[in-house]
Amino acid sequence: MLNIRGLTAAYGHCQALFGVDLDVGQGEVVGLIGRNGMGRSTVIKCLFGLLPAGQGSIEYGGRSLRGLAPYRIGRLGLSLVPEGRQIFPTLTVEENLVATACAPKAAGGWTLERVYGLFPRLRERRANLGTQLSGGEQQMLALGRALMTNPSLLVLDEATEGLAPVVRAEIWRVLAQLKADGLSMIVVDKNTTALLRLSDRNFILDKGTTVWRGSSAELSARPELVAAYVGV
């Protein structure tokens, strides 16, 4: 479904990626693991055309994404829940949800009613502006807005960061439901324990390079790897 090989990228003269490999299969959840500053968000920026790639390939469904505008990448079925939520603050909850919505391609796709069913709190707050929401409600809205594009690959960058424990648990529950529905995902999150319960496979980045890849069962059996590349 998604195949990234030998990806390099830089911010000006400062190189951030040195040959990253990553792939996602149909219906698979992949965890992207590593400390802050190791390149996880940079990979996502390159994937969505927000940062130009240097070398390497990014293919989705056999088509190269390199050089495509972000909106064209979105139209191919990729959707992002960005770090920091980035909802539209002066639009209502419902306006946020419909602003970038795409019509479902098949029965059972994402509609307003289905998103409200997933997050009843958003239905209650549908007329409130983005600035009037709590942090947890904003995260629900960011996830709901991404689903309204009816993606085939959903990418989440630190979707549980800074949330209350009860809200974090709700987000993980929703992601497990999306996985059960067959949605492919890339998940970046500092909570490795929760991530490994959700993900099928994982890639560890260190200093802009893929240093390990394998199943969640394999990584769970090697706590020294988590300590070496994720622990403080």
Protein backbone atom coordinates (compact mmCIF):
# COMPACT_ATOMS: atom_id res chain seq x y z
CA MET A 1 0.00 0.00 0.00
CA LEU A 2 2.71 2.47 1.10
CA ASN A 3 6.37 1.91 0.33
CA ILE A 4 9.14 4.32 1.39
CA ARG A 5 12.72 3.43 0.52
CA GLY A 6 15.98 5.28 1.16
CA LEU A 7 14.26 8.53 2.08
CA THR A 8 16.46 11.53 2.84
CA ALA A 9 15.38 15.06 3.77
CA ALA A 10 16.86 18.24 5.18
CA TYR A 11 15.88 21.54 6.73
CA GLY A 12 18.11 23.94 4.86
CA HIS A 13 21.68 22.72 5.39
CA CYS A 14 20.69 20.49 8.32
CA GLN A 15 20.00 16.94 7.16
CA ALA A 16 17.27 15.18 9.15
CA LEU A 17 16.74 11.86 7.34
CA PHE A 18 19.53 9.57 6.13
CA GLY A 19 17.80 6.77 4.28
CA VAL A 20 14.55 5.84 6.02
CA ASP A 21 12.63 2.70 5.00
CA LEU A 22 8.96 2.22 5.89
CA ASP A 23 6.06 0.23 4.45
CA VAL A 24 2.41 -0.30 5.31
CA GLY A 25 0.17 -3.10 4.05
CA GLN A 26 -3.56 -3.03 3.45
CA GLY A 27 -5.44 -3.00 6.76
CA GLU A 28 -2.19 -2.85 8.75
CA VAL A 29 -1.34 -0.60 11.70
CA VAL A 30 2.30 0.45 11.79
CA GLY A 31 3.96 2.16 14.73
CA LEU A 32 6.69 4.74 14.06
CA ILE A 33 8.83 4.79 17.17
CA GLY A 34 11.73 6.92 18.42
CA ARG A 35 12.69 9.82 20.63
CA ASN A 36 11.87 13.42 19.78
CA GLY A 37 14.09 14.77 17.04
CA MET A 38 14.88 11.37 15.52
CA GLY A 39 12.91 12.01 12.31
CA ARG A 40 9.40 10.65 12.84
CA SER A 41 7.54 13.89 12.10
CA THR A 42 9.94 14.65 9.24
CA VAL A 43 8.96 11.37 7.56
CA ILE A 44 5.31 12.38 7.87
CA LYS A 45 6.00 15.82 6.41
CA CYS A 46 7.70 14.23 3.41
CA LEU A 47 4.88 11.74 2.99
CA PHE A 48 2.31 14.55 2.76
CA GLY A 49 4.42 16.84 0.58
CA LEU A 50 4.95 19.37 3.38
CA LEU A 51 8.73 18.98 3.11
CA PRO A 52 10.53 18.07 -0.12
CA ALA A 53 12.32 14.75 -0.08
CA GLY A 54 15.98 14.68 -1.01
CA GLN A 55 16.58 11.17 -2.30
CA GLY A 56 14.67 7.93 -2.16
CA SER A 57 11.16 6.90 -3.16
CA ILE A 58 7.67 7.34 -1.70
CA GLU A 59 5.06 5.21 -3.42
CA TYR A 60 1.41 4.78 -2.56
CA GLY A 61 -0.56 2.15 -4.41
CA GLY A 62 2.31 1.93 -6.88
CA ARG A 63 2.23 5.68 -7.61
CA SER A 64 5.04 8.05 -6.68
CA LEU A 65 4.04 10.81 -4.28
CA ARG A 66 7.23 12.80 -4.72
CA GLY A 67 6.58 16.29 -6.06
CA LEU A 68 2.81 16.11 -5.57
CA ALA A 69 1.04 18.98 -3.80
CA PRO A 70 -0.36 18.08 -0.36
CA TYR A 71 -3.97 18.42 -1.54
CA ARG A 72 -3.32 15.95 -4.36
CA ILE A 73 -1.82 13.49 -1.89
CA GLY A 74 -4.92 13.89 0.27
CA ARG A 75 -7.15 13.14 -2.70
CA LEU A 76 -5.35 9.84 -3.19
CA GLY A 77 -6.68 8.66 0.18
CA LEU A 78 -4.10 9.74 2.76
CA SER A 79 -5.22 11.76 5.77
CA LEU A 80 -3.30 13.28 8.68
CA VAL A 81 -4.17 13.93 12.30
CA PRO A 82 -1.38 16.45 12.91
CA GLU A 83 0.61 17.07 16.04
CA GLY A 84 -0.98 19.99 17.89
CA ARG A 85 -4.46 19.21 16.42
CA GLN A 86 -4.52 22.33 14.16
CA ILE A 87 -8.30 22.59 14.02
CA PHE A 88 -9.87 25.72 12.53
CA PRO A 89 -10.41 27.86 15.66
CA THR A 90 -13.06 30.23 14.27
CA LEU A 91 -15.21 27.49 12.71
CA THR A 92 -17.77 25.46 14.59
CA VAL A 93 -17.30 21.77 15.24
CA GLU A 94 -19.61 20.91 12.36
CA GLU A 95 -17.94 23.39 10.03
CA ASN A 96 -14.56 21.85 10.87
CA LEU A 97 -15.90 18.43 9.99
CA VAL A 98 -17.41 19.37 6.64
CA ALA A 99 -14.66 21.82 5.56
CA THR A 100 -12.46 19.13 4.02
CA ALA A 101 -14.95 16.26 3.78
CA CYS A 102 -14.99 13.90 0.81
CA ALA A 103 -18.03 11.91 -0.22
CA PRO A 104 -17.84 8.23 0.77
CA LYS A 105 -16.69 6.04 -2.10
CA ALA A 106 -18.78 3.12 -0.87
CA ALA A 107 -21.54 2.28 1.55
CA GLY A 108 -20.43 2.52 5.16
CA GLY A 109 -18.09 5.45 4.56
CA TRP A 110 -17.58 8.33 6.95
CA THR A 111 -20.40 10.86 7.28
CA LEU A 112 -21.30 13.44 9.91
CA GLU A 113 -23.65 11.02 11.60
CA ARG A 114 -21.04 8.28 11.73
CA VAL A 115 -18.45 10.64 13.24
CA TYR A 116 -20.99 11.86 15.79
CA GLY A 117 -21.71 8.22 16.61
CA LEU A 118 -18.00 7.64 17.21
CA PHE A 119 -17.65 10.82 19.29
CA PRO A 120 -21.02 11.72 20.89
CA ARG A 121 -19.36 14.68 22.60
CA LEU A 122 -18.82 16.32 19.21
CA ARG A 123 -22.54 16.09 18.51
CA GLU A 124 -23.22 17.90 21.77
CA ARG A 125 -20.69 20.59 20.84
CA ARG A 126 -21.50 20.80 17.12
CA ALA A 127 -22.35 24.54 17.27
CA ASN A 128 -19.34 25.53 19.39
CA LEU A 129 -16.27 27.18 17.91
CA GLY A 130 -12.95 25.37 17.90
CA THR A 131 -11.60 27.79 20.50
CA GLN A 132 -14.40 26.82 22.89
CA LEU A 133 -13.38 23.16 23.06
CA SER A 134 -11.22 21.42 25.63
CA GLY A 135 -7.97 19.81 24.52
CA GLY A 136 -9.58 16.39 24.46
CA GLU A 137 -12.53 17.64 22.41
CA GLN A 138 -10.15 19.30 19.97
CA GLN A 139 -8.31 16.00 19.51
CA MET A 140 -11.59 14.19 18.88
CA LEU A 141 -12.42 16.86 16.32
CA ALA A 142 -9.03 16.54 14.61
CA LEU A 143 -9.53 12.79 14.32
CA GLY A 144 -13.13 13.17 13.16
CA ARG A 145 -12.09 15.74 10.55
CA ALA A 146 -9.46 13.33 9.19
CA LEU A 147 -12.01 10.52 8.97
CA MET A 148 -14.41 12.80 7.06
CA THR A 149 -11.96 12.72 4.14
CA ASN A 150 -12.74 8.98 3.96
CA PRO A 151 -9.08 7.93 3.92
CA SER A 152 -7.57 4.58 3.03
CA LEU A 153 -4.46 5.42 5.09
CA LEU A 154 -4.74 7.44 8.31
CA VAL A 155 -1.60 8.94 9.86
CA LEU A 156 -1.62 10.11 13.49
CA ASP A 157 1.22 12.22 14.87
CA GLU A 158 1.17 12.23 18.70
CA ALA A 159 -2.62 11.99 18.87
CA THR A 160 -2.67 11.34 22.64
CA GLU A 161 -0.05 13.91 23.68
CA GLY A 162 -1.06 16.19 26.56
CA LEU A 163 -4.48 14.62 27.08
CA ALA A 164 -6.10 13.53 30.33
CA PRO A 165 -5.86 9.77 30.98
CA VAL A 166 -9.57 9.20 30.38
CA VAL A 167 -9.39 10.97 27.01
CA ARG A 168 -6.23 9.09 26.02
CA ALA A 169 -8.03 5.84 26.77
CA GLU A 170 -10.94 6.96 24.57
CA ILE A 171 -8.61 7.76 21.66
CA TRP A 172 -6.91 4.36 21.91
CA ARG A 173 -10.35 2.70 22.02
CA VAL A 174 -11.37 4.51 18.85
CA LEU A 175 -8.13 3.57 17.09
CA ALA A 176 -8.70 -0.09 18.01
CA GLN A 177 -12.19 0.18 16.51
CA LEU A 178 -10.80 1.71 13.31
CA LYS A 179 -8.28 -1.12 13.09
CA ALA A 180 -11.07 -3.67 13.50
CA ASP A 181 -12.85 -1.94 10.61
CA GLY A 182 -9.78 -2.55 8.43
CA LEU A 183 -8.40 0.98 8.19
CA SER A 184 -4.65 1.17 7.55
CA MET A 185 -2.78 3.48 9.93
CA ILE A 186 0.62 4.89 10.81
CA VAL A 187 0.74 5.88 14.47
CA VAL A 188 3.41 8.02 16.14
CA ASP A 189 3.07 8.04 19.92
CA LYS A 190 5.31 8.17 22.98
CA ASN A 191 3.18 5.62 24.84
CA THR A 192 4.98 2.56 23.52
CA THR A 193 3.01 0.15 25.71
CA ALA A 194 -0.33 1.29 24.33
CA LEU A 195 1.06 1.54 20.80
CA LEU A 196 2.30 -2.05 20.79
CA ARG A 197 -1.15 -3.26 21.83
CA LEU A 198 -2.54 -1.60 18.69
CA SER A 199 0.16 -1.97 16.04
CA ASP A 200 0.96 -4.99 13.90
CA ARG A 201 4.51 -3.96 12.99
CA ASN A 202 6.85 -1.18 14.07
CA PHE A 203 9.78 0.82 12.74
CA ILE A 204 12.28 2.45 15.09
CA LEU A 205 14.02 5.62 13.93
CA ASP A 206 17.24 6.88 15.43
CA LYS A 207 19.12 9.92 14.13
CA GLY A 208 17.14 9.91 10.90
CA THR A 209 17.70 6.25 10.04
CA THR A 210 15.57 3.11 10.34
CA VAL A 211 17.46 1.04 12.90
CA TRP A 212 14.92 -1.73 13.58
CA ARG A 213 11.73 -3.15 12.12
CA GLY A 214 9.58 -6.03 13.22
CA SER A 215 6.31 -7.19 14.74
CA SER A 216 4.83 -5.89 17.97
CA ALA A 217 5.31 -9.32 19.52
CA GLU A 218 9.02 -9.23 18.64
CA LEU A 219 9.47 -5.74 20.04
CA SER A 220 7.52 -6.52 23.21
CA ALA A 221 9.92 -9.41 23.80
CA ARG A 222 12.92 -7.07 23.54
CA PRO A 223 12.45 -4.34 26.16
CA GLU A 224 16.12 -3.41 25.81
CA LEU A 225 15.37 -2.02 22.35
CA VAL A 226 12.61 0.18 23.68
CA ALA A 227 14.88 1.36 26.48
CA ALA A 228 17.74 2.08 24.08
CA TYR A 229 15.80 3.99 21.45
CA VAL A 230 12.76 5.36 23.27
CA GLY A 231 13.61 5.56 26.98
CA VAL A 232 14.77 8.83 28.53
